[in-house]
Amino acid sequence: MTEPVNLGPASQLPEGEVMRVTAEDSGYDADIAVVHAEDGGFFALDDECSHEAVSLSDGFVEEQTLECPMHASAFCLKTGVPETPPAMKPVKTHRVDVEDGSLLLYPGTPYPAE
């Protein structure tokens, strides 16, 4: 398991919102979209849509999906699998935990942790 990246207080990311964590900040090889789902859970996916090179962190959270802002492919927050076309390939997921109020990202460790 990778060392966690402390993203600060979980309370700073409102429900239904997404934040981009750059590769430079995480030490991972790509930017990561961290999502605070409408049900209160936290999730993380690679930030680039598998259909077009578009940032998913600019997309829309709806229940347990993150919708690409360009062509509306909706990716499952737990699996990274696209639930609607045109995207056909999944994006990678990353583990996110909340400990003592801090949001911790484990870049490269899939959700759920293996």
PDB file of N, CA and C in Angstrom:
ATOM      1  N   MET A   1       0.852  -1.187   0.000  1.00  0.00           N
ATOM      2  CA  MET A   1       0.000   0.000   0.000  1.00  0.00           C
ATOM      3  C   MET A   1       0.891   1.241   0.000  1.00  0.00           C
ATOM      4  N   THR A   2       0.470   2.242  -0.722  1.00  0.00           N
ATOM      5  CA  THR A   2       1.218   3.490  -0.784  1.00  0.00           C
ATOM      6  C   THR A   2       0.985   4.309   0.476  1.00  0.00           C
ATOM      7  N   GLU A   3       1.866   5.250   0.697  1.00  0.00           N
ATOM      8  CA  GLU A   3       1.683   6.181   1.803  1.00  0.00           C
ATOM      9  C   GLU A   3       0.556   7.146   1.444  1.00  0.00           C
ATOM     10  N   PRO A   4      -0.283   7.513   2.419  1.00  0.00           N
ATOM     11  CA  PRO A   4      -1.391   8.422   2.108  1.00  0.00           C
ATOM     12  C   PRO A   4      -0.924   9.857   1.908  1.00  0.00           C
ATOM     13  N   VAL A   5      -1.691  10.576   1.102  1.00  0.00           N
ATOM     14  CA  VAL A   5      -1.507  12.009   0.916  1.00  0.00           C
ATOM     15  C   VAL A   5      -2.622  12.686   1.694  1.00  0.00           C
ATOM     16  N   ASN A   6      -2.269  13.527   2.655  1.00  0.00           N
ATOM     17  CA  ASN A   6      -3.262  14.240   3.455  1.00  0.00           C
ATOM     18  C   ASN A   6      -3.763  15.431   2.649  1.00  0.00           C
ATOM     19  N   LEU A   7      -5.058  15.401   2.312  1.00  0.00           N
ATOM     20  CA  LEU A   7      -5.663  16.461   1.504  1.00  0.00           C
ATOM     21  C   LEU A   7      -6.289  17.555   2.356  1.00  0.00           C
ATOM     22  N   GLY A   8      -6.143  17.453   3.673  1.00  0.00           N
ATOM     23  CA  GLY A   8      -6.710  18.454   4.577  1.00  0.00           C
ATOM     24  C   GLY A   8      -8.035  17.991   5.143  1.00  0.00           C
ATOM     25  N   PRO A   9      -8.739  18.910   5.805  1.00  0.00           N
ATOM     26  CA  PRO A   9     -10.011  18.544   6.431  1.00  0.00           C
ATOM     27  C   PRO A   9     -11.044  18.065   5.404  1.00  0.00           C
ATOM     28  N   ALA A  10     -11.661  16.931   5.698  1.00  0.00           N
ATOM     29  CA  ALA A  10     -12.702  16.398   4.809  1.00  0.00           C
ATOM     30  C   ALA A  10     -13.850  17.386   4.674  1.00  0.00           C
ATOM     31  N   SER A  11     -14.076  18.187   5.689  1.00  0.00           N
ATOM     32  CA  SER A  11     -15.178  19.157   5.683  1.00  0.00           C
ATOM     33  C   SER A  11     -14.997  20.246   4.625  1.00  0.00           C
ATOM     34  N   GLN A  12     -13.784  20.377   4.080  1.00  0.00           N
ATOM     35  CA  GLN A  12     -13.540  21.409   3.056  1.00  0.00           C
ATOM     36  C   GLN A  12     -14.015  21.001   1.667  1.00  0.00           C
ATOM     37  N   LEU A  13     -14.411  19.723   1.509  1.00  0.00           N
ATOM     38  CA  LEU A  13     -14.954  19.259   0.229  1.00  0.00           C
ATOM     39  C   LEU A  13     -16.437  18.957   0.433  1.00  0.00           C
ATOM     40  N   PRO A  14     -17.310  19.873   0.021  1.00  0.00           N
ATOM     41  CA  PRO A  14     -18.753  19.689   0.244  1.00  0.00           C
ATOM     42  C   PRO A  14     -19.317  18.487  -0.524  1.00  0.00           C
ATOM     43  N   GLU A  15     -20.398  17.919  -0.006  1.00  0.00           N
ATOM     44  CA  GLU A  15     -21.084  16.828  -0.698  1.00  0.00           C
ATOM     45  C   GLU A  15     -21.470  17.277  -2.106  1.00  0.00           C
ATOM     46  N   GLY A  16     -21.283  16.369  -3.053  1.00  0.00           N
ATOM     47  CA  GLY A  16     -21.625  16.660  -4.443  1.00  0.00           C
ATOM     48  C   GLY A  16     -20.541  17.418  -5.195  1.00  0.00           C
ATOM     49  N   GLU A  17     -19.378  17.614  -4.578  1.00  0.00           N
ATOM     50  CA  GLU A  17     -18.292  18.369  -5.208  1.00  0.00           C
ATOM     51  C   GLU A  17     -17.101  17.458  -5.502  1.00  0.00           C
ATOM     52  N   VAL A  18     -16.214  17.954  -6.373  1.00  0.00           N
ATOM     53  CA  VAL A  18     -15.024  17.219  -6.802  1.00  0.00           C
ATOM     54  C   VAL A  18     -13.812  18.134  -6.691  1.00  0.00           C
ATOM     55  N   MET A  19     -12.684  17.574  -6.273  1.00  0.00           N
ATOM     56  CA  MET A  19     -11.430  18.326  -6.274  1.00  0.00           C
ATOM     57  C   MET A  19     -10.394  17.570  -7.094  1.00  0.00           C
ATOM     58  N   ARG A  20      -9.550  18.309  -7.782  1.00  0.00           N
ATOM     59  CA  ARG A  20      -8.463  17.715  -8.556  1.00  0.00           C
ATOM     60  C   ARG A  20      -7.203  17.715  -7.702  1.00  0.00           C
ATOM     61  N   VAL A  21      -6.547  16.566  -7.656  1.00  0.00           N
ATOM     62  CA  VAL A  21      -5.250  16.442  -6.999  1.00  0.00           C
ATOM     63  C   VAL A  21      -4.251  16.178  -8.119  1.00  0.00           C
ATOM     64  N   THR A  22      -3.310  17.084  -8.295  1.00  0.00           N
ATOM     65  CA  THR A  22      -2.365  16.956  -9.394  1.00  0.00           C
ATOM     66  C   THR A  22      -1.372  15.830  -9.138  1.00  0.00           C
ATOM     67  N   ALA A  23      -0.814  15.308 -10.226  1.00  0.00           N
ATOM     68  CA  ALA A  23       0.206  14.270 -10.122  1.00  0.00           C
ATOM     69  C   ALA A  23       1.385  14.773  -9.296  1.00  0.00           C
ATOM     70  N   GLU A  24       1.707  16.026  -9.460  1.00  0.00           N
ATOM     71  CA  GLU A  24       2.814  16.626  -8.699  1.00  0.00           C
ATOM     72  C   GLU A  24       2.543  16.580  -7.194  1.00  0.00           C
ATOM     73  N   ASP A  25       1.296  16.841  -6.800  1.00  0.00           N
ATOM     74  CA  ASP A  25       0.949  16.843  -5.375  1.00  0.00           C
ATOM     75  C   ASP A  25       0.802  15.434  -4.797  1.00  0.00           C
ATOM     76  N   SER A  26       0.408  14.466  -5.631  1.00  0.00           N
ATOM     77  CA  SER A  26       0.150  13.119  -5.107  1.00  0.00           C
ATOM     78  C   SER A  26       1.325  12.162  -5.264  1.00  0.00           C
ATOM     79  N   GLY A  27       2.219  12.455  -6.215  1.00  0.00           N
ATOM     80  CA  GLY A  27       3.304  11.529  -6.500  1.00  0.00           C
ATOM     81  C   GLY A  27       2.874  10.386  -7.402  1.00  0.00           C
ATOM     82  N   TYR A  28       1.625  10.386  -7.841  1.00  0.00           N
ATOM     83  CA  TYR A  28       1.084   9.386  -8.760  1.00  0.00           C
ATOM     84  C   TYR A  28       1.388   9.844 -10.182  1.00  0.00           C
ATOM     85  N   ASP A  29       1.208   8.974 -11.171  1.00  0.00           N
ATOM     86  CA  ASP A  29       1.565   9.331 -12.542  1.00  0.00           C
ATOM     87  C   ASP A  29       0.474  10.069 -13.319  1.00  0.00           C
ATOM     88  N   ALA A  30      -0.626  10.405 -12.667  1.00  0.00           N
ATOM     89  CA  ALA A  30      -1.713  11.137 -13.320  1.00  0.00           C
ATOM     90  C   ALA A  30      -2.477  11.939 -12.270  1.00  0.00           C
ATOM     91  N   ASP A  31      -3.204  12.957 -12.733  1.00  0.00           N
ATOM     92  CA  ASP A  31      -4.076  13.702 -11.825  1.00  0.00           C
ATOM     93  C   ASP A  31      -5.197  12.786 -11.353  1.00  0.00           C
ATOM     94  N   ILE A  32      -5.726  13.074 -10.159  1.00  0.00           N
ATOM     95  CA  ILE A  32      -6.785  12.270  -9.555  1.00  0.00           C
ATOM     96  C   ILE A  32      -7.952  13.178  -9.191  1.00  0.00           C
ATOM     97  N   ALA A  33      -9.173  12.725  -9.483  1.00  0.00           N
ATOM     98  CA  ALA A  33     -10.399  13.431  -9.081  1.00  0.00           C
ATOM     99  C   ALA A  33     -10.897  12.809  -7.783  1.00  0.00           C
ATOM    100  N   VAL A  34     -10.982  13.606  -6.729  1.00  0.00           N
ATOM    101  CA  VAL A  34     -11.500  13.143  -5.439  1.00  0.00           C
ATOM    102  C   VAL A  34     -12.922  13.663  -5.312  1.00  0.00           C
ATOM    103  N   VAL A  35     -13.856  12.763  -5.029  1.00  0.00           N
ATOM    104  CA  VAL A  35     -15.286  13.063  -5.053  1.00  0.00           C
ATOM    105  C   VAL A  35     -15.893  12.876  -3.668  1.00  0.00           C
ATOM    106  N   HIS A  36     -16.707  13.849  -3.257  1.00  0.00           N
ATOM    107  CA  HIS A  36     -17.547  13.685  -2.058  1.00  0.00           C
ATOM    108  C   HIS A  36     -18.948  13.414  -2.588  1.00  0.00           C
ATOM    109  N   ALA A  37     -19.325  12.145  -2.584  1.00  0.00           N
ATOM    110  CA  ALA A  37     -20.602  11.718  -3.155  1.00  0.00           C
ATOM    111  C   ALA A  37     -21.786  12.283  -2.381  1.00  0.00           C
ATOM    112  N   GLU A  38     -22.935  12.280  -3.039  1.00  0.00           N
ATOM    113  CA  GLU A  38     -24.155  12.817  -2.434  1.00  0.00           C
ATOM    114  C   GLU A  38     -24.593  12.021  -1.216  1.00  0.00           C
ATOM    115  N   ASP A  39     -24.125  10.752  -1.092  1.00  0.00           N
ATOM    116  CA  ASP A  39     -24.473   9.945   0.082  1.00  0.00           C
ATOM    117  C   ASP A  39     -23.484  10.149   1.233  1.00  0.00           C
ATOM    118  N   GLY A  40     -22.501  11.038   1.039  1.00  0.00           N
ATOM    119  CA  GLY A  40     -21.534  11.345   2.090  1.00  0.00           C
ATOM    120  C   GLY A  40     -20.214  10.614   1.961  1.00  0.00           C
ATOM    121  N   GLY A  41     -20.125   9.598   1.098  1.00  0.00           N
ATOM    122  CA  GLY A  41     -18.884   8.851   0.925  1.00  0.00           C
ATOM    123  C   GLY A  41     -17.869   9.618   0.095  1.00  0.00           C
ATOM    124  N   PHE A  42     -16.607   9.237   0.259  1.00  0.00           N
ATOM    125  CA  PHE A  42     -15.512   9.829  -0.514  1.00  0.00           C
ATOM    126  C   PHE A  42     -14.932   8.770  -1.439  1.00  0.00           C
ATOM    127  N   PHE A  43     -14.613   9.181  -2.674  1.00  0.00           N
ATOM    128  CA  PHE A  43     -14.091   8.289  -3.689  1.00  0.00           C
ATOM    129  C   PHE A  43     -13.045   9.029  -4.504  1.00  0.00           C
ATOM    130  N   ALA A  44     -12.228   8.279  -5.244  1.00  0.00           N
ATOM    131  CA  ALA A  44     -11.225   8.899  -6.109  1.00  0.00           C
ATOM    132  C   ALA A  44     -11.051   8.066  -7.371  1.00  0.00           C
ATOM    133  N   LEU A  45     -10.943   8.771  -8.495  1.00  0.00           N
ATOM    134  CA  LEU A  45     -10.768   8.167  -9.818  1.00  0.00           C
ATOM    135  C   LEU A  45      -9.658   8.913 -10.543  1.00  0.00           C
ATOM    136  N   ASP A  46      -9.004   8.234 -11.504  1.00  0.00           N
ATOM    137  CA  ASP A  46      -8.116   8.975 -12.389  1.00  0.00           C
ATOM    138  C   ASP A  46      -8.925  10.122 -12.993  1.00  0.00           C
ATOM    139  N   ASP A  47      -8.301  11.261 -13.135  1.00  0.00           N
ATOM    140  CA  ASP A  47      -9.024  12.480 -13.521  1.00  0.00           C
ATOM    141  C   ASP A  47      -9.327  12.575 -15.011  1.00  0.00           C
ATOM    142  N   GLU A  48      -8.768  11.706 -15.844  1.00  0.00           N
ATOM    143  CA  GLU A  48      -8.983  11.828 -17.281  1.00  0.00           C
ATOM    144  C   GLU A  48     -10.004  10.810 -17.784  1.00  0.00           C
ATOM    145  N   CYS A  49     -11.019  11.305 -18.476  1.00  0.00           N
ATOM    146  CA  CYS A  49     -12.039  10.445 -19.083  1.00  0.00           C
ATOM    147  C   CYS A  49     -11.360   9.465 -20.051  1.00  0.00           C
ATOM    148  N   SER A  50     -11.831   8.229 -20.063  1.00  0.00           N
ATOM    149  CA  SER A  50     -11.243   7.214 -20.939  1.00  0.00           C
ATOM    150  C   SER A  50     -11.712   7.344 -22.393  1.00  0.00           C
ATOM    151  N   HIS A  51     -12.650   8.228 -22.654  1.00  0.00           N
ATOM    152  CA  HIS A  51     -13.136   8.441 -24.019  1.00  0.00           C
ATOM    153  C   HIS A  51     -12.400   9.584 -24.698  1.00  0.00           C
ATOM    154  N   GLU A  52     -12.274  10.704 -24.015  1.00  0.00           N
ATOM    155  CA  GLU A  52     -11.569  11.884 -24.517  1.00  0.00           C
ATOM    156  C   GLU A  52     -10.666  12.396 -23.393  1.00  0.00           C
ATOM    157  N   ALA A  53      -9.657  13.138 -23.740  1.00  0.00           N
ATOM    158  CA  ALA A  53      -8.741  13.687 -22.733  1.00  0.00           C
ATOM    159  C   ALA A  53      -9.389  14.902 -22.065  1.00  0.00           C
ATOM    160  N   VAL A  54     -10.377  14.627 -21.230  1.00  0.00           N
ATOM    161  CA  VAL A  54     -11.139  15.669 -20.535  1.00  0.00           C
ATOM    162  C   VAL A  54     -11.044  15.403 -19.034  1.00  0.00           C
ATOM    163  N   SER A  55     -10.929  16.457 -18.263  1.00  0.00           N
ATOM    164  CA  SER A  55     -10.815  16.335 -16.814  1.00  0.00           C
ATOM    165  C   SER A  55     -12.166  15.980 -16.192  1.00  0.00           C
ATOM    166  N   LEU A  56     -12.208  14.814 -15.528  1.00  0.00           N
ATOM    167  CA  LEU A  56     -13.441  14.405 -14.846  1.00  0.00           C
ATOM    168  C   LEU A  56     -13.732  15.284 -13.643  1.00  0.00           C
ATOM    169  N   SER A  57     -12.713  15.921 -13.088  1.00  0.00           N
ATOM    170  CA  SER A  57     -12.961  16.780 -11.925  1.00  0.00           C
ATOM    171  C   SER A  57     -13.763  18.024 -12.298  1.00  0.00           C
ATOM    172  N   ASP A  58     -13.926  18.276 -13.590  1.00  0.00           N
ATOM    173  CA  ASP A  58     -14.801  19.365 -14.049  1.00  0.00           C
ATOM    174  C   ASP A  58     -16.222  18.858 -14.289  1.00  0.00           C
ATOM    175  N   GLY A  59     -16.451  17.584 -13.983  1.00  0.00           N
ATOM    176  CA  GLY A  59     -17.740  16.953 -14.243  1.00  0.00           C
ATOM    177  C   GLY A  59     -18.740  17.131 -13.120  1.00  0.00           C
ATOM    178  N   PHE A  60     -19.752  16.279 -13.140  1.00  0.00           N
ATOM    179  CA  PHE A  60     -20.904  16.408 -12.256  1.00  0.00           C
ATOM    180  C   PHE A  60     -21.107  15.136 -11.447  1.00  0.00           C
ATOM    181  N   VAL A  61     -21.340  15.298 -10.160  1.00  0.00           N
ATOM    182  CA  VAL A  61     -21.599  14.172  -9.276  1.00  0.00           C
ATOM    183  C   VAL A  61     -23.099  13.928  -9.246  1.00  0.00           C
ATOM    184  N   GLU A  62     -23.488  12.676  -9.489  1.00  0.00           N
ATOM    185  CA  GLU A  62     -24.886  12.302  -9.381  1.00  0.00           C
ATOM    186  C   GLU A  62     -24.956  10.938  -8.721  1.00  0.00           C
ATOM    187  N   GLU A  63     -25.459  10.925  -7.498  1.00  0.00           N
ATOM    188  CA  GLU A  63     -25.541   9.715  -6.691  1.00  0.00           C
ATOM    189  C   GLU A  63     -24.168   9.057  -6.611  1.00  0.00           C
ATOM    190  N   GLN A  64     -23.981   7.860  -7.202  1.00  0.00           N
ATOM    191  CA  GLN A  64     -22.715   7.129  -7.117  1.00  0.00           C
ATOM    192  C   GLN A  64     -21.921   7.182  -8.415  1.00  0.00           C
ATOM    193  N   THR A  65     -22.102   8.257  -9.208  1.00  0.00           N
ATOM    194  CA  THR A  65     -21.369   8.393 -10.465  1.00  0.00           C
ATOM    195  C   THR A  65     -20.750   9.784 -10.596  1.00  0.00           C
ATOM    196  N   LEU A  66     -19.722   9.835 -11.450  1.00  0.00           N
ATOM    197  CA  LEU A  66     -19.110  11.101 -11.846  1.00  0.00           C
ATOM    198  C   LEU A  66     -19.261  11.188 -13.355  1.00  0.00           C
ATOM    199  N   GLU A  67     -19.961  12.241 -13.807  1.00  0.00           N
ATOM    200  CA  GLU A  67     -20.280  12.409 -15.220  1.00  0.00           C
ATOM    201  C   GLU A  67     -19.258  13.310 -15.894  1.00  0.00           C
ATOM    202  N   CYS A  68     -18.728  12.839 -17.015  1.00  0.00           N
ATOM    203  CA  CYS A  68     -17.784  13.622 -17.806  1.00  0.00           C
ATOM    204  C   CYS A  68     -18.484  14.875 -18.344  1.00  0.00           C
ATOM    205  N   PRO A  69     -17.822  16.034 -18.259  1.00  0.00           N
ATOM    206  CA  PRO A  69     -18.472  17.262 -18.709  1.00  0.00           C
ATOM    207  C   PRO A  69     -18.578  17.388 -20.229  1.00  0.00           C
ATOM    208  N   MET A  70     -17.859  16.553 -21.003  1.00  0.00           N
ATOM    209  CA  MET A  70     -17.893  16.702 -22.460  1.00  0.00           C
ATOM    210  C   MET A  70     -18.997  15.888 -23.116  1.00  0.00           C
ATOM    211  N   HIS A  71     -19.026  14.590 -22.899  1.00  0.00           N
ATOM    212  CA  HIS A  71     -19.989  13.736 -23.595  1.00  0.00           C
ATOM    213  C   HIS A  71     -20.901  12.963 -22.657  1.00  0.00           C
ATOM    214  N   ALA A  72     -20.862  13.302 -21.360  1.00  0.00           N
ATOM    215  CA  ALA A  72     -21.793  12.773 -20.356  1.00  0.00           C
ATOM    216  C   ALA A  72     -21.636  11.294 -20.023  1.00  0.00           C
ATOM    217  N   SER A  73     -20.473  10.702 -20.293  1.00  0.00           N
ATOM    218  CA  SER A  73     -20.250   9.344 -19.787  1.00  0.00           C
ATOM    219  C   SER A  73     -20.235   9.416 -18.271  1.00  0.00           C
ATOM    220  N   ALA A  74     -20.941   8.506 -17.624  1.00  0.00           N
ATOM    221  CA  ALA A  74     -21.009   8.489 -16.154  1.00  0.00           C
ATOM    222  C   ALA A  74     -20.203   7.298 -15.640  1.00  0.00           C
ATOM    223  N   PHE A  75     -19.215   7.574 -14.791  1.00  0.00           N
ATOM    224  CA  PHE A  75     -18.343   6.546 -14.244  1.00  0.00           C
ATOM    225  C   PHE A  75     -18.755   6.206 -12.818  1.00  0.00           C
ATOM    226  N   CYS A  76     -18.850   4.894 -12.530  1.00  0.00           N
ATOM    227  CA  CYS A  76     -19.162   4.433 -11.186  1.00  0.00           C
ATOM    228  C   CYS A  76     -18.026   4.843 -10.253  1.00  0.00           C
ATOM    229  N   LEU A  77     -18.358   5.459  -9.130  1.00  0.00           N
ATOM    230  CA  LEU A  77     -17.343   5.925  -8.193  1.00  0.00           C
ATOM    231  C   LEU A  77     -16.599   4.777  -7.515  1.00  0.00           C
ATOM    232  N   LYS A  78     -17.240   3.633  -7.358  1.00  0.00           N
ATOM    233  CA  LYS A  78     -16.612   2.498  -6.679  1.00  0.00           C
ATOM    234  C   LYS A  78     -15.721   1.677  -7.600  1.00  0.00           C
ATOM    235  N   THR A  79     -16.111   1.544  -8.867  1.00  0.00           N
ATOM    236  CA  THR A  79     -15.394   0.650  -9.782  1.00  0.00           C
ATOM    237  C   THR A  79     -14.650   1.365 -10.899  1.00  0.00           C
ATOM    238  N   GLY A  80     -15.040   2.598 -11.222  1.00  0.00           N
ATOM    239  CA  GLY A  80     -14.456   3.316 -12.346  1.00  0.00           C
ATOM    240  C   GLY A  80     -15.024   2.897 -13.687  1.00  0.00           C
ATOM    241  N   VAL A  81     -15.980   1.971 -13.684  1.00  0.00           N
ATOM    242  CA  VAL A  81     -16.578   1.466 -14.920  1.00  0.00           C
ATOM    243  C   VAL A  81     -17.585   2.482 -15.453  1.00  0.00           C
ATOM    244  N   PRO A  82     -17.524   2.778 -16.760  1.00  0.00           N
ATOM    245  CA  PRO A  82     -18.515   3.692 -17.327  1.00  0.00           C
ATOM    246  C   PRO A  82     -19.899   3.035 -17.375  1.00  0.00           C
ATOM    247  N   GLU A  83     -20.899   3.760 -16.917  1.00  0.00           N
ATOM    248  CA  GLU A  83     -22.268   3.250 -16.905  1.00  0.00           C
ATOM    249  C   GLU A  83     -23.072   3.750 -18.088  1.00  0.00           C
ATOM    250  N   THR A  84     -22.549   4.756 -18.773  1.00  0.00           N
ATOM    251  CA  THR A  84     -23.203   5.291 -19.968  1.00  0.00           C
ATOM    252  C   THR A  84     -22.141   5.576 -21.026  1.00  0.00           C
ATOM    253  N   PRO A  85     -22.491   5.414 -22.313  1.00  0.00           N
ATOM    254  CA  PRO A  85     -21.539   5.713 -23.386  1.00  0.00           C
ATOM    255  C   PRO A  85     -21.380   7.229 -23.537  1.00  0.00           C
ATOM    256  N   PRO A  86     -20.375   7.688 -24.251  1.00  0.00           N
ATOM    257  CA  PRO A  86     -19.584   6.921 -25.201  1.00  0.00           C
ATOM    258  C   PRO A  86     -18.350   6.238 -24.606  1.00  0.00           C
ATOM    259  N   ALA A  87     -17.963   6.523 -23.373  1.00  0.00           N
ATOM    260  CA  ALA A  87     -16.803   5.846 -22.789  1.00  0.00           C
ATOM    261  C   ALA A  87     -17.083   4.353 -22.660  1.00  0.00           C
ATOM    262  N   MET A  88     -16.092   3.553 -22.976  1.00  0.00           N
ATOM    263  CA  MET A  88     -16.232   2.097 -22.902  1.00  0.00           C
ATOM    264  C   MET A  88     -15.227   1.489 -21.916  1.00  0.00           C
ATOM    265  N   LYS A  89     -14.110   2.173 -21.678  1.00  0.00           N
ATOM    266  CA  LYS A  89     -13.069   1.645 -20.804  1.00  0.00           C
ATOM    267  C   LYS A  89     -13.176   2.289 -19.419  1.00  0.00           C
ATOM    268  N   PRO A  90     -12.942   1.500 -18.368  1.00  0.00           N
ATOM    269  CA  PRO A  90     -12.970   2.062 -17.019  1.00  0.00           C
ATOM    270  C   PRO A  90     -11.763   2.950 -16.752  1.00  0.00           C
ATOM    271  N   VAL A  91     -11.885   3.779 -15.730  1.00  0.00           N
ATOM    272  CA  VAL A  91     -10.764   4.549 -15.215  1.00  0.00           C
ATOM    273  C   VAL A  91     -10.354   3.926 -13.882  1.00  0.00           C
ATOM    274  N   LYS A  92      -9.113   4.132 -13.490  1.00  0.00           N
ATOM    275  CA  LYS A  92      -8.625   3.548 -12.239  1.00  0.00           C
ATOM    276  C   LYS A  92      -9.239   4.257 -11.039  1.00  0.00           C
ATOM    277  N   THR A  93      -9.453   3.466  -9.992  1.00  0.00           N
ATOM    278  CA  THR A  93      -9.942   4.018  -8.724  1.00  0.00           C
ATOM    279  C   THR A  93      -8.790   4.073  -7.730  1.00  0.00           C
ATOM    280  N   HIS A  94      -8.977   4.873  -6.692  1.00  0.00           N
ATOM    281  CA  HIS A  94      -7.972   5.033  -5.644  1.00  0.00           C
ATOM    282  C   HIS A  94      -8.671   5.041  -4.291  1.00  0.00           C
ATOM    283  N   ARG A  95      -8.008   4.490  -3.307  1.00  0.00           N
ATOM    284  CA  ARG A  95      -8.559   4.446  -1.948  1.00  0.00           C
ATOM    285  C   ARG A  95      -8.541   5.841  -1.336  1.00  0.00           C
ATOM    286  N   VAL A  96      -9.630   6.166  -0.619  1.00  0.00           N
ATOM    287  CA  VAL A  96      -9.744   7.412   0.141  1.00  0.00           C
ATOM    288  C   VAL A  96     -10.317   7.057   1.503  1.00  0.00           C
ATOM    289  N   ASP A  97      -9.712   7.584   2.554  1.00  0.00           N
ATOM    290  CA  ASP A  97     -10.204   7.383   3.923  1.00  0.00           C
ATOM    291  C   ASP A  97     -10.345   8.725   4.610  1.00  0.00           C
ATOM    292  N   VAL A  98     -11.190   8.761   5.625  1.00  0.00           N
ATOM    293  CA  VAL A  98     -11.267   9.915   6.515  1.00  0.00           C
ATOM    294  C   VAL A  98     -10.823   9.435   7.890  1.00  0.00           C
ATOM    295  N   GLU A  99      -9.758  10.047   8.400  1.00  0.00           N
ATOM    296  CA  GLU A  99      -9.230   9.698   9.711  1.00  0.00           C
ATOM    297  C   GLU A  99      -9.052  10.976  10.518  1.00  0.00           C
ATOM    298  N   ASP A 100      -9.662  10.997  11.690  1.00  0.00           N
ATOM    299  CA  ASP A 100      -9.595  12.173  12.567  1.00  0.00           C
ATOM    300  C   ASP A 100      -9.956  13.451  11.817  1.00  0.00           C
ATOM    301  N   GLY A 101     -10.932  13.342  10.912  1.00  0.00           N
ATOM    302  CA  GLY A 101     -11.416  14.507  10.169  1.00  0.00           C
ATOM    303  C   GLY A 101     -10.596  14.863   8.949  1.00  0.00           C
ATOM    304  N   SER A 102      -9.462  14.171   8.721  1.00  0.00           N
ATOM    305  CA  SER A 102      -8.608  14.461   7.567  1.00  0.00           C
ATOM    306  C   SER A 102      -8.923  13.514   6.422  1.00  0.00           C
ATOM    307  N   LEU A 103      -8.890  14.050   5.217  1.00  0.00           N
ATOM    308  CA  LEU A 103      -9.133  13.281   4.005  1.00  0.00           C
ATOM    309  C   LEU A 103      -7.790  12.733   3.519  1.00  0.00           C
ATOM    310  N   LEU A 104      -7.667  11.399   3.478  1.00  0.00           N
ATOM    311  CA  LEU A 104      -6.419  10.752   3.089  1.00  0.00           C
ATOM    312  C   LEU A 104      -6.609  10.004   1.777  1.00  0.00           C
ATOM    313  N   LEU A 105      -5.747  10.306   0.809  1.00  0.00           N
ATOM    314  CA  LEU A 105      -5.764   9.679  -0.506  1.00  0.00           C
ATOM    315  C   LEU A 105      -4.586   8.717  -0.601  1.00  0.00           C
ATOM    316  N   TYR A 106      -4.856   7.498  -1.083  1.00  0.00           N
ATOM    317  CA  TYR A 106      -3.821   6.490  -1.290  1.00  0.00           C
ATOM    318  C   TYR A 106      -3.656   6.291  -2.796  1.00  0.00           C
ATOM    319  N   PRO A 107      -2.845   7.114  -3.452  1.00  0.00           N
ATOM    320  CA  PRO A 107      -2.697   7.018  -4.904  1.00  0.00           C
ATOM    321  C   PRO A 107      -2.170   5.657  -5.335  1.00  0.00           C
ATOM    322  N   GLY A 108      -2.829   5.056  -6.313  1.00  0.00           N
ATOM    323  CA  GLY A 108      -2.408   3.770  -6.834  1.00  0.00           C
ATOM    324  C   GLY A 108      -2.966   2.579  -6.099  1.00  0.00           C
ATOM    325  N   THR A 109      -3.602   2.787  -4.942  1.00  0.00           N
ATOM    326  CA  THR A 109      -4.247   1.699  -4.201  1.00  0.00           C
ATOM    327  C   THR A 109      -5.716   1.704  -4.589  1.00  0.00           C
ATOM    328  N   PRO A 110      -6.196   0.657  -5.250  1.00  0.00           N
ATOM    329  CA  PRO A 110      -7.584   0.656  -5.735  1.00  0.00           C
ATOM    330  C   PRO A 110      -8.606   0.697  -4.609  1.00  0.00           C
ATOM    331  N   TYR A 111      -9.790   1.200  -4.946  1.00  0.00           N
ATOM    332  CA  TYR A 111     -10.951   1.133  -4.054  1.00  0.00           C
ATOM    333  C   TYR A 111     -11.760  -0.082  -4.473  1.00  0.00           C
ATOM    334  N   PRO A 112     -12.210  -0.896  -3.574  1.00  0.00           N
ATOM    335  CA  PRO A 112     -11.758  -0.964  -2.179  1.00  0.00           C
ATOM    336  C   PRO A 112     -10.356  -1.534  -2.118  1.00  0.00           C
ATOM    337  N   ALA A 113      -9.655  -1.216  -1.060  1.00  0.00           N
ATOM    338  CA  ALA A 113      -8.268  -1.648  -0.934  1.00  0.00           C
ATOM    339  C   ALA A 113      -8.190  -3.161  -1.034  1.00  0.00           C
ATOM    340  N   GLU A 114      -7.229  -3.641  -1.776  1.00  0.00           N
ATOM    341  CA  GLU A 114      -7.055  -5.090  -1.966  1.00  0.00           C
ATOM    342  C   GLU A 114      -6.203  -5.651  -0.855  1.00  0.00           C
TER     343      GLU A 114
END
